[in-house]
Amino acid sequence: MLELNQEVNQFQLEGFFRAEKGDNLISKMQVEIVLRDGVIEEIRGDI
């Protein structure tokens, strides 16, 4: 049973992102995207 507005980690996704000289690669790879009914609601972290 899930509570209303509870966050659930469903999967990890591999993809592309822009990286430039001087960027912190570790922080770029730790981004979370929060979806609600398939729509992006929030992006957490550096993109």
N, C-alpha and C. Protein backbone atom coordinates (compact mmCIF):
# COMPACT_ATOMS: atom_id res chain seq x y z
N MET A 1 0.85 -1.19 0.00
CA MET A 1 0.00 0.00 0.00
C MET A 1 0.89 1.24 0.00
N LEU A 2 0.52 2.19 -0.83
CA LEU A 2 1.24 3.46 -0.89
C LEU A 2 0.38 4.56 -0.28
N GLU A 3 1.05 5.49 0.39
CA GLU A 3 0.35 6.64 0.92
C GLU A 3 0.28 7.73 -0.15
N LEU A 4 -0.68 8.61 -0.02
CA LEU A 4 -0.85 9.71 -0.96
C LEU A 4 0.41 10.56 -1.00
N ASN A 5 0.89 10.88 -2.20
CA ASN A 5 2.08 11.70 -2.45
C ASN A 5 3.39 11.05 -2.02
N GLN A 6 3.39 9.75 -1.80
CA GLN A 6 4.62 9.05 -1.45
C GLN A 6 5.48 8.89 -2.69
N GLU A 7 6.80 9.09 -2.55
CA GLU A 7 7.71 8.94 -3.67
C GLU A 7 8.24 7.52 -3.72
N VAL A 8 8.30 6.97 -4.93
CA VAL A 8 8.75 5.60 -5.14
C VAL A 8 9.82 5.60 -6.23
N ASN A 9 10.97 4.99 -5.95
CA ASN A 9 12.03 4.86 -6.96
C ASN A 9 11.62 3.74 -7.90
N GLN A 10 11.27 4.08 -9.15
CA GLN A 10 10.80 3.07 -10.09
C GLN A 10 11.91 2.50 -10.94
N PHE A 11 12.84 3.31 -11.38
CA PHE A 11 13.89 2.81 -12.26
C PHE A 11 15.00 3.84 -12.39
N GLN A 12 16.10 3.39 -12.94
CA GLN A 12 17.19 4.28 -13.28
C GLN A 12 17.28 4.33 -14.79
N LEU A 13 17.60 5.50 -15.31
CA LEU A 13 17.61 5.72 -16.75
C LEU A 13 19.00 6.19 -17.17
N GLU A 14 19.50 5.61 -18.21
CA GLU A 14 20.75 6.08 -18.79
C GLU A 14 20.44 6.99 -19.95
N GLY A 15 21.21 8.05 -20.08
CA GLY A 15 20.95 8.97 -21.18
C GLY A 15 22.11 9.93 -21.37
N PHE A 16 21.88 10.95 -22.16
CA PHE A 16 22.89 11.94 -22.50
C PHE A 16 22.65 13.22 -21.70
N PHE A 17 23.73 13.95 -21.43
CA PHE A 17 23.63 15.26 -20.81
C PHE A 17 24.83 16.08 -21.25
N ARG A 18 24.70 17.39 -21.13
CA ARG A 18 25.78 18.29 -21.55
C ARG A 18 26.80 18.41 -20.42
N ALA A 19 28.07 18.23 -20.75
CA ALA A 19 29.16 18.40 -19.80
C ALA A 19 30.23 19.26 -20.45
N GLU A 20 30.76 20.19 -19.68
CA GLU A 20 31.79 21.07 -20.18
C GLU A 20 32.99 21.04 -19.26
N LYS A 21 34.12 21.49 -19.74
CA LYS A 21 35.34 21.55 -18.95
C LYS A 21 35.06 22.33 -17.67
N GLY A 22 35.45 21.75 -16.53
CA GLY A 22 35.24 22.39 -15.24
C GLY A 22 33.98 21.94 -14.52
N ASP A 23 33.08 21.22 -15.20
CA ASP A 23 31.85 20.72 -14.56
C ASP A 23 32.19 19.60 -13.58
N ASN A 24 31.39 19.48 -12.53
CA ASN A 24 31.54 18.38 -11.57
C ASN A 24 30.73 17.19 -12.10
N LEU A 25 31.43 16.18 -12.60
CA LEU A 25 30.77 15.04 -13.22
C LEU A 25 29.91 14.27 -12.23
N ILE A 26 30.36 14.13 -10.99
CA ILE A 26 29.60 13.38 -9.99
C ILE A 26 28.24 14.03 -9.76
N SER A 27 28.20 15.36 -9.61
CA SER A 27 26.91 16.02 -9.38
C SER A 27 26.02 15.94 -10.61
N LYS A 28 26.61 15.96 -11.80
CA LYS A 28 25.82 15.84 -13.03
C LYS A 28 25.14 14.48 -13.13
N MET A 29 25.76 13.45 -12.55
CA MET A 29 25.22 12.10 -12.65
C MET A 29 24.23 11.77 -11.54
N GLN A 30 23.99 12.71 -10.62
CA GLN A 30 23.09 12.46 -9.49
C GLN A 30 21.84 13.32 -9.58
N VAL A 31 21.20 13.32 -10.71
CA VAL A 31 19.98 14.10 -10.92
C VAL A 31 18.77 13.19 -10.74
N GLU A 32 17.75 13.71 -10.07
CA GLU A 32 16.49 12.99 -9.92
C GLU A 32 15.41 13.75 -10.67
N ILE A 33 14.56 13.01 -11.36
CA ILE A 33 13.41 13.61 -12.05
C ILE A 33 12.15 13.04 -11.41
N VAL A 34 11.33 13.92 -10.86
CA VAL A 34 10.09 13.51 -10.20
C VAL A 34 8.95 13.60 -11.21
N LEU A 35 8.27 12.48 -11.41
CA LEU A 35 7.13 12.44 -12.33
C LEU A 35 5.82 12.25 -11.56
N ARG A 36 4.77 12.85 -12.06
CA ARG A 36 3.42 12.61 -11.53
C ARG A 36 2.54 12.32 -12.74
N ASP A 37 2.05 11.11 -12.82
CA ASP A 37 1.22 10.67 -13.94
C ASP A 37 1.95 10.85 -15.27
N GLY A 38 3.27 10.60 -15.27
CA GLY A 38 4.06 10.66 -16.48
C GLY A 38 4.52 12.05 -16.88
N VAL A 39 4.23 13.07 -16.09
CA VAL A 39 4.60 14.44 -16.40
C VAL A 39 5.70 14.89 -15.44
N ILE A 40 6.75 15.54 -15.95
CA ILE A 40 7.83 16.01 -15.09
C ILE A 40 7.30 17.08 -14.16
N GLU A 41 7.46 16.82 -12.86
CA GLU A 41 7.01 17.77 -11.85
C GLU A 41 8.17 18.55 -11.24
N GLU A 42 9.33 17.90 -11.14
CA GLU A 42 10.48 18.55 -10.51
C GLU A 42 11.77 17.89 -11.00
N ILE A 43 12.82 18.67 -11.12
CA ILE A 43 14.15 18.15 -11.43
C ILE A 43 15.04 18.53 -10.26
N ARG A 44 15.65 17.51 -9.63
CA ARG A 44 16.49 17.75 -8.45
C ARG A 44 17.94 17.47 -8.82
N GLY A 45 18.80 18.45 -8.62
CA GLY A 45 20.22 18.31 -8.93
C GLY A 45 20.63 19.24 -10.05
N ASP A 46 21.94 19.20 -10.38
CA ASP A 46 22.48 20.03 -11.45
C ASP A 46 22.25 19.36 -12.79
N ILE A 47 21.74 20.12 -13.75
CA ILE A 47 21.60 19.60 -15.10
C ILE A 47 22.43 20.42 -16.06
